[in-house]
Amino acid sequence: MSRANHSADTREHLLATGEEIILGKGFAAVGLAEILSTAGVPKGSFYHYFPSKEGYGVEMLRRYFLSYDERLVVLLRPESGNARDCLIRYFQGWLDTHRCTEQSHTCLAVKLAAEVSDLSEPMREMLAEGMGRLISRLADAIRRGQAEGSLCTYLEADELAASLYSLWVGSALLYKVQRSDQPMHNAYRLTETMLPQPDNASCKR
């Protein structure tokens, strides 16, 4: 293995290891020593890849959102079905992920949004950028649904996408607080009404 490949693999290993730990404990509660020990990487090597723990957090979020975006593009593409079905399937994924079990946890973005937004401006900016890109993908899917006839044409795509994402992020936070998946079921039912088909009575204005 070349040095470049080894370096990339070590960096990826550090990011993947940290994400798994931080998903369970949060960002502030996890020290570098725990991440490095779990990853089996010496402390000196960490600073070869990241300038600080904050810089590490930024790159962890960047990695997370890039991977998320790749999956979302595939899920929402026309080959995956009409736009409304794709969107409903996407939010069904949120519901499936947030099942209350001993091992359940929410996504990294939701986990860190409330924690680090007031503590780290670079991490807040990365969260805003990643979430903004996600909302844009949803808005594009809504516009596709209007063009193909699977969604009502009166819907304002950008506003609806932002509202849907806000609904699910808020429900995910309630899921954590209440330790109940009821907020997610409520969000799913509301989502179905917010994405009406053209033959739905709510489309007639």
C-alpha atoms as a PDB file:
ATOM      1  CA  MET A   1       0.000   0.000   0.000  1.00  0.00           C
ATOM      2  CA  SER A   2       1.323   3.443  -0.935  1.00  0.00           C
ATOM      3  CA  ARG A   3       1.844   6.093   1.724  1.00  0.00           C
ATOM      4  CA  ALA A   4      -0.955   8.188   0.211  1.00  0.00           C
ATOM      5  CA  ASN A   5      -3.408   5.285   0.388  1.00  0.00           C
ATOM      6  CA  HIS A   6      -2.346   4.447   3.930  1.00  0.00           C
ATOM      7  CA  SER A   7      -2.809   8.074   4.956  1.00  0.00           C
ATOM      8  CA  ALA A   8      -6.283   8.212   3.431  1.00  0.00           C
ATOM      9  CA  ASP A   9      -7.250   4.940   5.089  1.00  0.00           C
ATOM     10  CA  THR A  10      -6.051   6.128   8.509  1.00  0.00           C
ATOM     11  CA  ARG A  11      -7.919   9.410   8.173  1.00  0.00           C
ATOM     12  CA  GLU A  12     -11.096   7.602   7.136  1.00  0.00           C
ATOM     13  CA  HIS A  13     -10.686   5.153  10.007  1.00  0.00           C
ATOM     14  CA  LEU A  14     -10.373   7.985  12.509  1.00  0.00           C
ATOM     15  CA  LEU A  15     -13.484   9.714  11.163  1.00  0.00           C
ATOM     16  CA  ALA A  16     -15.572   6.532  11.090  1.00  0.00           C
ATOM     17  CA  THR A  17     -14.480   5.543  14.590  1.00  0.00           C
ATOM     18  CA  GLY A  18     -15.222   8.965  16.021  1.00  0.00           C
ATOM     19  CA  GLU A  19     -18.638   9.163  14.375  1.00  0.00           C
ATOM     20  CA  GLU A  20     -19.709   5.891  15.948  1.00  0.00           C
ATOM     21  CA  ILE A  21     -18.604   6.973  19.422  1.00  0.00           C
ATOM     22  CA  ILE A  22     -19.990  10.507  19.161  1.00  0.00           C
ATOM     23  CA  LEU A  23     -23.366   9.234  17.965  1.00  0.00           C
ATOM     24  CA  GLY A  24     -23.706   7.567  21.317  1.00  0.00           C
ATOM     25  CA  LYS A  25     -22.172  10.146  23.655  1.00  0.00           C
ATOM     26  CA  GLY A  26     -22.159  13.519  21.910  1.00  0.00           C
ATOM     27  CA  PHE A  27     -19.240  15.661  20.801  1.00  0.00           C
ATOM     28  CA  ALA A  28     -18.232  17.411  24.007  1.00  0.00           C
ATOM     29  CA  ALA A  29     -18.338  14.255  26.116  1.00  0.00           C
ATOM     30  CA  VAL A  30     -15.867  12.381  23.924  1.00  0.00           C
ATOM     31  CA  GLY A  31     -12.177  13.111  24.253  1.00  0.00           C
ATOM     32  CA  LEU A  32      -9.517  12.526  21.644  1.00  0.00           C
ATOM     33  CA  ALA A  33      -7.935   9.860  23.851  1.00  0.00           C
ATOM     34  CA  GLU A  34     -11.040   7.689  23.579  1.00  0.00           C
ATOM     35  CA  ILE A  35     -11.239   8.081  19.807  1.00  0.00           C
ATOM     36  CA  LEU A  36      -7.532   7.363  19.335  1.00  0.00           C
ATOM     37  CA  SER A  37      -7.566   4.406  21.698  1.00  0.00           C
ATOM     38  CA  THR A  38     -10.569   2.857  19.978  1.00  0.00           C
ATOM     39  CA  ALA A  39      -9.088   3.495  16.543  1.00  0.00           C
ATOM     40  CA  GLY A  40      -5.650   2.235  17.577  1.00  0.00           C
ATOM     41  CA  VAL A  41      -3.960   5.379  16.262  1.00  0.00           C
ATOM     42  CA  PRO A  42      -1.230   7.269  18.185  1.00  0.00           C
ATOM     43  CA  LYS A  43      -1.971  10.826  19.296  1.00  0.00           C
ATOM     44  CA  GLY A  44       0.789  12.320  17.170  1.00  0.00           C
ATOM     45  CA  SER A  45      -0.816  10.900  14.043  1.00  0.00           C
ATOM     46  CA  PHE A  46      -4.105  12.641  14.779  1.00  0.00           C
ATOM     47  CA  TYR A  47      -2.580  16.086  14.303  1.00  0.00           C
ATOM     48  CA  HIS A  48      -1.160  14.987  10.974  1.00  0.00           C
ATOM     49  CA  TYR A  49      -4.725  14.752   9.689  1.00  0.00           C
ATOM     50  CA  PHE A  50      -6.642  17.324  11.741  1.00  0.00           C
ATOM     51  CA  PRO A  51      -5.585  20.662  13.279  1.00  0.00           C
ATOM     52  CA  SER A  52      -7.763  20.258  16.376  1.00  0.00           C
ATOM     53  CA  LYS A  53     -10.757  18.439  17.774  1.00  0.00           C
ATOM     54  CA  GLU A  54     -12.962  21.173  16.295  1.00  0.00           C
ATOM     55  CA  GLY A  55     -11.343  20.687  12.892  1.00  0.00           C
ATOM     56  CA  TYR A  56     -11.926  16.974  13.276  1.00  0.00           C
ATOM     57  CA  GLY A  57     -15.607  17.677  14.004  1.00  0.00           C
ATOM     58  CA  VAL A  58     -15.905  19.783  10.852  1.00  0.00           C
ATOM     59  CA  GLU A  59     -14.415  17.023   8.709  1.00  0.00           C
ATOM     60  CA  MET A  60     -16.563  14.381  10.371  1.00  0.00           C
ATOM     61  CA  LEU A  61     -19.677  16.392   9.465  1.00  0.00           C
ATOM     62  CA  ARG A  62     -18.386  17.016   5.936  1.00  0.00           C
ATOM     63  CA  ARG A  63     -17.878  13.267   5.471  1.00  0.00           C
ATOM     64  CA  TYR A  64     -21.310  12.533   6.897  1.00  0.00           C
ATOM     65  CA  PHE A  65     -23.138  14.966   4.621  1.00  0.00           C
ATOM     66  CA  LEU A  66     -21.259  13.890   1.485  1.00  0.00           C
ATOM     67  CA  SER A  67     -22.212  10.269   2.128  1.00  0.00           C
ATOM     68  CA  TYR A  68     -25.776  11.266   2.963  1.00  0.00           C
ATOM     69  CA  ASP A  69     -26.056  13.316  -0.223  1.00  0.00           C
ATOM     70  CA  GLU A  70     -24.840  10.432  -2.366  1.00  0.00           C
ATOM     71  CA  ARG A  71     -27.502   8.136  -0.917  1.00  0.00           C
ATOM     72  CA  LEU A  72     -30.204  10.790  -1.229  1.00  0.00           C
ATOM     73  CA  VAL A  73     -29.440  11.427  -4.904  1.00  0.00           C
ATOM     74  CA  VAL A  74     -29.924   7.724  -5.634  1.00  0.00           C
ATOM     75  CA  LEU A  75     -33.108   7.540  -3.571  1.00  0.00           C
ATOM     76  CA  LEU A  76     -34.713  10.554  -5.266  1.00  0.00           C
ATOM     77  CA  ARG A  77     -33.648   9.952  -8.848  1.00  0.00           C
ATOM     78  CA  PRO A  78     -36.393   9.335 -11.457  1.00  0.00           C
ATOM     79  CA  GLU A  79     -35.268   5.735 -11.903  1.00  0.00           C
ATOM     80  CA  SER A  80     -36.334   5.096  -8.289  1.00  0.00           C
ATOM     81  CA  GLY A  81     -39.984   5.964  -8.999  1.00  0.00           C
ATOM     82  CA  ASN A  82     -42.233   8.997  -9.156  1.00  0.00           C
ATOM     83  CA  ALA A  83     -41.172  11.886  -6.963  1.00  0.00           C
ATOM     84  CA  ARG A  84     -43.911  11.546  -4.356  1.00  0.00           C
ATOM     85  CA  ASP A  85     -43.172   7.856  -3.833  1.00  0.00           C
ATOM     86  CA  CYS A  86     -39.461   8.658  -3.545  1.00  0.00           C
ATOM     87  CA  LEU A  87     -40.098  11.366  -0.951  1.00  0.00           C
ATOM     88  CA  ILE A  88     -42.452   9.186   1.083  1.00  0.00           C
ATOM     89  CA  ARG A  89     -39.861   6.392   0.973  1.00  0.00           C
ATOM     90  CA  TYR A  90     -37.185   8.818   2.173  1.00  0.00           C
ATOM     91  CA  PHE A  91     -39.241   9.872   5.195  1.00  0.00           C
ATOM     92  CA  GLN A  92     -40.207   6.268   5.841  1.00  0.00           C
ATOM     93  CA  GLY A  93     -36.473   5.755   6.249  1.00  0.00           C
ATOM     94  CA  TRP A  94     -36.445   8.331   9.063  1.00  0.00           C
ATOM     95  CA  LEU A  95     -39.282   6.439  10.713  1.00  0.00           C
ATOM     96  CA  ASP A  96     -37.530   3.091  10.341  1.00  0.00           C
ATOM     97  CA  THR A  97     -34.288   4.491  11.771  1.00  0.00           C
ATOM     98  CA  HIS A  98     -35.968   5.975  14.820  1.00  0.00           C
ATOM     99  CA  ARG A  99     -37.393   2.835  16.327  1.00  0.00           C
ATOM    100  CA  CYS A 100     -37.133   2.807  20.110  1.00  0.00           C
ATOM    101  CA  THR A 101     -34.707   0.052  21.011  1.00  0.00           C
ATOM    102  CA  GLU A 102     -31.773  -0.101  23.394  1.00  0.00           C
ATOM    103  CA  GLN A 103     -29.416   0.573  20.495  1.00  0.00           C
ATOM    104  CA  SER A 104     -31.408   3.311  18.783  1.00  0.00           C
ATOM    105  CA  HIS A 105     -30.027   6.792  18.154  1.00  0.00           C
ATOM    106  CA  THR A 106     -30.702   9.625  15.781  1.00  0.00           C
ATOM    107  CA  CYS A 107     -28.538  10.798  12.884  1.00  0.00           C
ATOM    108  CA  LEU A 108     -25.273  12.664  13.370  1.00  0.00           C
ATOM    109  CA  ALA A 109     -26.637  15.987  12.115  1.00  0.00           C
ATOM    110  CA  VAL A 110     -29.542  15.971  14.565  1.00  0.00           C
ATOM    111  CA  LYS A 111     -27.290  14.682  17.337  1.00  0.00           C
ATOM    112  CA  LEU A 112     -24.830  17.549  16.979  1.00  0.00           C
ATOM    113  CA  ALA A 113     -27.023  20.426  15.784  1.00  0.00           C
ATOM    114  CA  ALA A 114     -28.324  21.394  19.205  1.00  0.00           C
ATOM    115  CA  GLU A 115     -25.026  20.636  20.937  1.00  0.00           C
ATOM    116  CA  VAL A 116     -22.359  22.370  18.871  1.00  0.00           C
ATOM    117  CA  SER A 117     -24.136  25.235  17.084  1.00  0.00           C
ATOM    118  CA  ASP A 118     -23.443  27.614  19.977  1.00  0.00           C
ATOM    119  CA  LEU A 119     -19.996  26.188  20.703  1.00  0.00           C
ATOM    120  CA  SER A 120     -18.289  26.013  17.319  1.00  0.00           C
ATOM    121  CA  GLU A 121     -18.930  28.389  14.431  1.00  0.00           C
ATOM    122  CA  PRO A 122     -17.068  26.210  11.885  1.00  0.00           C
ATOM    123  CA  MET A 123     -19.135  23.171  12.852  1.00  0.00           C
ATOM    124  CA  ARG A 124     -22.336  25.228  12.779  1.00  0.00           C
ATOM    125  CA  GLU A 125     -21.456  26.436   9.288  1.00  0.00           C
ATOM    126  CA  MET A 126     -20.857  22.867   8.120  1.00  0.00           C
ATOM    127  CA  LEU A 127     -24.195  21.792   9.576  1.00  0.00           C
ATOM    128  CA  ALA A 128     -25.940  24.695   7.830  1.00  0.00           C
ATOM    129  CA  GLU A 129     -24.271  23.878   4.525  1.00  0.00           C
ATOM    130  CA  GLY A 130     -25.073  20.172   4.699  1.00  0.00           C
ATOM    131  CA  MET A 131     -28.648  20.668   5.807  1.00  0.00           C
ATOM    132  CA  GLY A 132     -29.144  23.342   3.162  1.00  0.00           C
ATOM    133  CA  ARG A 133     -27.986  20.962   0.436  1.00  0.00           C
ATOM    134  CA  LEU A 134     -30.349  18.287   1.730  1.00  0.00           C
ATOM    135  CA  ILE A 135     -33.302  20.686   1.660  1.00  0.00           C
ATOM    136  CA  SER A 136     -32.398  21.672  -1.903  1.00  0.00           C
ATOM    137  CA  ARG A 137     -32.497  18.008  -2.933  1.00  0.00           C
ATOM    138  CA  LEU A 138     -35.958  17.660  -1.429  1.00  0.00           C
ATOM    139  CA  ALA A 139     -37.133  20.837  -3.167  1.00  0.00           C
ATOM    140  CA  ASP A 140     -35.855  19.534  -6.518  1.00  0.00           C
ATOM    141  CA  ALA A 141     -37.775  16.299  -5.965  1.00  0.00           C
ATOM    142  CA  ILE A 142     -40.956  18.260  -5.196  1.00  0.00           C
ATOM    143  CA  ARG A 143     -40.527  20.248  -8.408  1.00  0.00           C
ATOM    144  CA  ARG A 144     -40.028  17.005 -10.319  1.00  0.00           C
ATOM    145  CA  GLY A 145     -43.232  15.657  -8.804  1.00  0.00           C
ATOM    146  CA  GLN A 146     -45.131  18.740  -9.952  1.00  0.00           C
ATOM    147  CA  ALA A 147     -43.737  18.450 -13.458  1.00  0.00           C
ATOM    148  CA  GLU A 148     -44.535  14.748 -13.787  1.00  0.00           C
ATOM    149  CA  GLY A 149     -47.940  14.992 -12.110  1.00  0.00           C
ATOM    150  CA  SER A 150     -47.367  13.058  -8.871  1.00  0.00           C
ATOM    151  CA  LEU A 151     -47.640  16.177  -6.650  1.00  0.00           C
ATOM    152  CA  CYS A 152     -49.973  19.171  -6.554  1.00  0.00           C
ATOM    153  CA  THR A 153     -48.710  22.095  -8.588  1.00  0.00           C
ATOM    154  CA  TYR A 154     -49.685  24.794  -6.070  1.00  0.00           C
ATOM    155  CA  LEU A 155     -46.978  23.672  -3.606  1.00  0.00           C
ATOM    156  CA  GLU A 156     -44.061  26.082  -3.120  1.00  0.00           C
ATOM    157  CA  ALA A 157     -41.177  23.641  -3.390  1.00  0.00           C
ATOM    158  CA  ASP A 158     -38.480  25.446  -1.415  1.00  0.00           C
ATOM    159  CA  GLU A 159     -40.752  26.365   1.479  1.00  0.00           C
ATOM    160  CA  LEU A 160     -42.311  22.905   1.625  1.00  0.00           C
ATOM    161  CA  ALA A 161     -38.912  21.189   1.587  1.00  0.00           C
ATOM    162  CA  ALA A 162     -37.671  23.374   4.430  1.00  0.00           C
ATOM    163  CA  SER A 163     -40.873  22.793   6.412  1.00  0.00           C
ATOM    164  CA  LEU A 164     -40.695  19.037   5.962  1.00  0.00           C
ATOM    165  CA  TYR A 165     -37.080  18.894   7.049  1.00  0.00           C
ATOM    166  CA  SER A 166     -37.816  21.089  10.075  1.00  0.00           C
ATOM    167  CA  LEU A 167     -40.719  18.820  10.974  1.00  0.00           C
ATOM    168  CA  TRP A 168     -38.545  15.723  10.954  1.00  0.00           C
ATOM    169  CA  VAL A 169     -35.582  17.267  12.760  1.00  0.00           C
ATOM    170  CA  GLY A 170     -37.926  18.515  15.474  1.00  0.00           C
ATOM    171  CA  SER A 171     -39.591  15.119  15.704  1.00  0.00           C
ATOM    172  CA  ALA A 172     -36.207  13.433  16.001  1.00  0.00           C
ATOM    173  CA  LEU A 173     -35.348  15.699  18.932  1.00  0.00           C
ATOM    174  CA  LEU A 174     -38.670  14.880  20.626  1.00  0.00           C
ATOM    175  CA  TYR A 175     -37.943  11.215  19.998  1.00  0.00           C
ATOM    176  CA  LYS A 176     -34.741  11.605  22.000  1.00  0.00           C
ATOM    177  CA  VAL A 177     -36.385  13.570  24.815  1.00  0.00           C
ATOM    178  CA  GLN A 178     -39.509  11.435  25.146  1.00  0.00           C
ATOM    179  CA  ARG A 179     -37.830   8.110  24.350  1.00  0.00           C
ATOM    180  CA  SER A 180     -40.817   7.365  22.192  1.00  0.00           C
ATOM    181  CA  ASP A 181     -41.188   6.949  18.450  1.00  0.00           C
ATOM    182  CA  GLN A 182     -44.654   8.521  18.534  1.00  0.00           C
ATOM    183  CA  PRO A 183     -43.323  11.934  17.334  1.00  0.00           C
ATOM    184  CA  MET A 184     -41.901  10.179  14.271  1.00  0.00           C
ATOM    185  CA  HIS A 185     -45.234   8.498  13.499  1.00  0.00           C
ATOM    186  CA  ASN A 186     -46.954  11.863  13.875  1.00  0.00           C
ATOM    187  CA  ALA A 187     -44.451  13.424  11.470  1.00  0.00           C
ATOM    188  CA  TYR A 188     -45.023  10.655   8.932  1.00  0.00           C
ATOM    189  CA  ARG A 189     -48.800  11.119   8.949  1.00  0.00           C
ATOM    190  CA  LEU A 190     -48.430  14.873   8.568  1.00  0.00           C
ATOM    191  CA  THR A 191     -45.894  14.415   5.772  1.00  0.00           C
ATOM    192  CA  GLU A 192     -48.389  12.381   3.780  1.00  0.00           C
ATOM    193  CA  THR A 193     -50.876  15.270   3.958  1.00  0.00           C
ATOM    194  CA  MET A 194     -48.186  17.848   3.109  1.00  0.00           C
ATOM    195  CA  LEU A 195     -47.377  15.959  -0.099  1.00  0.00           C
ATOM    196  CA  PRO A 196     -50.843  15.692  -1.675  1.00  0.00           C
ATOM    197  CA  GLN A 197     -51.395  14.012  -5.001  1.00  0.00           C
ATOM    198  CA  PRO A 198     -53.196  15.950  -7.762  1.00  0.00           C
ATOM    199  CA  ASP A 199     -56.433  13.988  -7.246  1.00  0.00           C
ATOM    200  CA  ASN A 200     -56.473  14.834  -3.533  1.00  0.00           C
ATOM    201  CA  ALA A 201     -59.224  17.208  -2.396  1.00  0.00           C
ATOM    202  CA  SER A 202     -56.614  19.499  -0.790  1.00  0.00           C
ATOM    203  CA  CYS A 203     -55.219  20.211  -4.235  1.00  0.00           C
ATOM    204  CA  LYS A 204     -58.394  21.958  -5.299  1.00  0.00           C
ATOM    205  CA  ARG A 205     -58.008  25.619  -4.369  1.00  0.00           C
END
